[in-house]
Amino acid sequence: MPSFAKISLLGHAGKDGEEYSSKGGKKFYKFSLAVNSGKRGEEKVSWFPVWIEQKETYQYDVRKGQLVFVEGNMVLDKGDPEKTGKFGVTPTVWAHIVVPLEVPKKDDGPKVLSESVDIPF
């Protein structure tokens, strides 16, 4: 029986998204997403690396500080202390849906889109 771990996140991009290519020529897009949780004044930040397999339909560039909605599958990658020197587990999100909810201007910082934007959820 197949199984999966689906996750929905709403947070701010930690840095501008970057494109990567695999040895086989597939294109990928990656950015980090900061998600706050907890009571006001006691918030904790969780960081999630978000990967997207580039397809012709993906048209957004994610910018640092931008509010972004992400939905996808989550994979827990175990650290290998012999190779990386790191212990623990890193959650990695393979996104199916990425919706930037703010559009940053070049010099003014992020601005919220008008309320008439059609959001697919």
Protein backbone atom coordinates (compact mmCIF):
# COMPACT_ATOMS: atom_id res chain seq x y z
CA MET A 1 0.00 0.00 0.00
CA PRO A 2 1.49 3.38 -0.97
CA SER A 3 2.03 6.04 1.66
CA PHE A 4 3.13 9.67 1.81
CA ALA A 5 3.53 12.61 4.19
CA LYS A 6 1.70 15.70 2.94
CA ILE A 7 2.44 19.10 4.44
CA SER A 8 1.06 22.63 4.04
CA LEU A 9 3.20 25.58 5.13
CA LEU A 10 2.76 29.34 5.26
CA GLY A 11 5.92 31.29 5.98
CA HIS A 12 8.55 33.70 4.74
CA ALA A 13 11.36 32.86 2.34
CA GLY A 14 14.75 32.93 4.05
CA LYS A 15 16.62 33.79 0.86
CA ASP A 16 16.04 34.16 -2.87
CA GLY A 17 15.23 30.92 -4.68
CA GLU A 18 17.99 29.25 -6.70
CA GLU A 19 17.97 26.97 -9.73
CA TYR A 20 19.90 23.70 -9.79
CA SER A 21 20.47 21.05 -12.45
CA SER A 22 20.98 17.34 -11.88
CA LYS A 23 23.61 15.30 -13.71
CA GLY A 24 20.79 13.96 -15.87
CA GLY A 25 19.74 17.46 -16.93
CA LYS A 26 16.60 17.83 -14.76
CA LYS A 27 16.07 21.33 -13.42
CA PHE A 28 15.16 22.04 -9.81
CA TYR A 29 14.34 25.17 -7.83
CA LYS A 30 15.14 25.52 -4.11
CA PHE A 31 14.46 28.04 -1.36
CA SER A 32 14.23 27.97 2.43
CA LEU A 33 11.01 28.75 4.29
CA ALA A 34 10.78 30.07 7.87
CA VAL A 35 7.58 29.17 9.72
CA ASN A 36 6.75 30.70 13.13
CA SER A 37 4.80 28.79 15.77
CA GLY A 38 3.95 29.30 19.43
CA LYS A 39 2.46 32.10 21.53
CA ARG A 40 3.12 35.73 20.69
CA GLY A 41 6.43 36.75 22.21
CA GLU A 42 7.47 33.08 22.57
CA GLU A 43 7.50 32.17 18.88
CA LYS A 44 9.86 29.54 17.61
CA VAL A 45 11.07 29.47 14.02
CA SER A 46 11.25 26.22 12.05
CA TRP A 47 13.21 26.18 8.79
CA PHE A 48 12.21 24.00 5.85
CA PRO A 49 14.22 23.51 2.65
CA VAL A 50 11.71 23.52 -0.21
CA TRP A 51 12.50 21.85 -3.54
CA ILE A 52 10.46 22.08 -6.73
CA GLU A 53 11.06 20.03 -9.84
CA GLN A 54 11.09 22.71 -12.53
CA LYS A 55 8.33 22.31 -15.02
CA GLU A 56 7.23 24.70 -17.72
CA THR A 57 4.19 25.63 -15.61
CA TYR A 58 6.22 26.91 -12.65
CA GLN A 59 6.62 30.65 -13.19
CA TYR A 60 7.42 32.23 -9.83
CA ASP A 61 10.70 33.50 -8.46
CA VAL A 62 10.69 33.38 -4.67
CA ARG A 63 12.43 36.35 -3.03
CA LYS A 64 13.85 36.72 0.48
CA GLY A 65 11.22 37.88 2.98
CA GLN A 66 8.29 37.04 0.70
CA LEU A 67 5.21 35.40 2.28
CA VAL A 68 4.74 32.03 0.52
CA PHE A 69 2.20 29.19 0.74
CA VAL A 70 3.67 25.73 0.03
CA GLU A 71 2.00 22.34 -0.23
CA GLY A 72 3.86 19.14 -0.95
CA ASN A 73 5.34 15.90 0.35
CA MET A 74 7.71 15.91 3.29
CA VAL A 75 10.74 13.64 3.48
CA LEU A 76 12.86 13.28 6.62
CA ASP A 77 16.55 13.05 5.73
CA LYS A 78 18.80 11.52 8.38
CA GLY A 79 22.12 13.21 8.99
CA ASP A 80 25.22 11.10 8.40
CA PRO A 81 27.82 12.18 10.96
CA GLU A 82 30.62 10.36 9.10
CA LYS A 83 29.98 12.30 5.87
CA THR A 84 28.63 15.64 7.03
CA GLY A 85 29.49 15.80 10.72
CA LYS A 86 25.81 16.50 11.45
CA PHE A 87 23.39 14.46 13.54
CA GLY A 88 19.61 14.57 13.54
CA VAL A 89 16.87 14.73 10.97
CA THR A 90 16.21 17.42 8.36
CA PRO A 91 12.67 17.81 7.00
CA THR A 92 12.74 18.43 3.24
CA VAL A 93 9.62 19.51 1.34
CA TRP A 94 9.09 18.48 -2.29
CA ALA A 95 6.50 21.05 -3.33
CA HIS A 96 3.52 20.49 -5.62
CA ILE A 97 2.03 23.93 -5.02
CA VAL A 98 3.94 27.17 -4.38
CA VAL A 99 1.96 30.41 -4.19
CA PRO A 100 3.81 33.65 -3.42
CA LEU A 101 1.36 35.83 -1.49
CA GLU A 102 3.45 38.99 -1.60
CA VAL A 103 5.20 40.58 -4.53
CA PRO A 104 8.40 42.38 -3.48
CA LYS A 105 9.31 45.61 -5.23
CA LYS A 106 12.97 46.07 -6.02
CA ASP A 107 13.58 48.89 -3.54
CA ASP A 108 10.48 49.05 -1.32
CA GLY A 109 10.38 45.50 0.07
CA PRO A 110 7.38 43.16 -0.08
CA LYS A 111 3.87 44.39 -0.82
CA VAL A 112 0.66 42.38 -0.37
CA LEU A 113 -1.24 41.49 -3.53
CA SER A 114 -4.77 42.87 -3.90
CA GLU A 115 -7.53 40.85 -2.25
CA SER A 116 -8.94 39.87 -5.65
CA VAL A 117 -6.15 37.36 -6.33
CA ASP A 118 -7.46 33.82 -6.95
CA ILE A 119 -5.61 31.51 -4.52
CA PRO A 120 -6.01 27.76 -5.24
CA PHE A 121 -7.00 26.60 -1.72
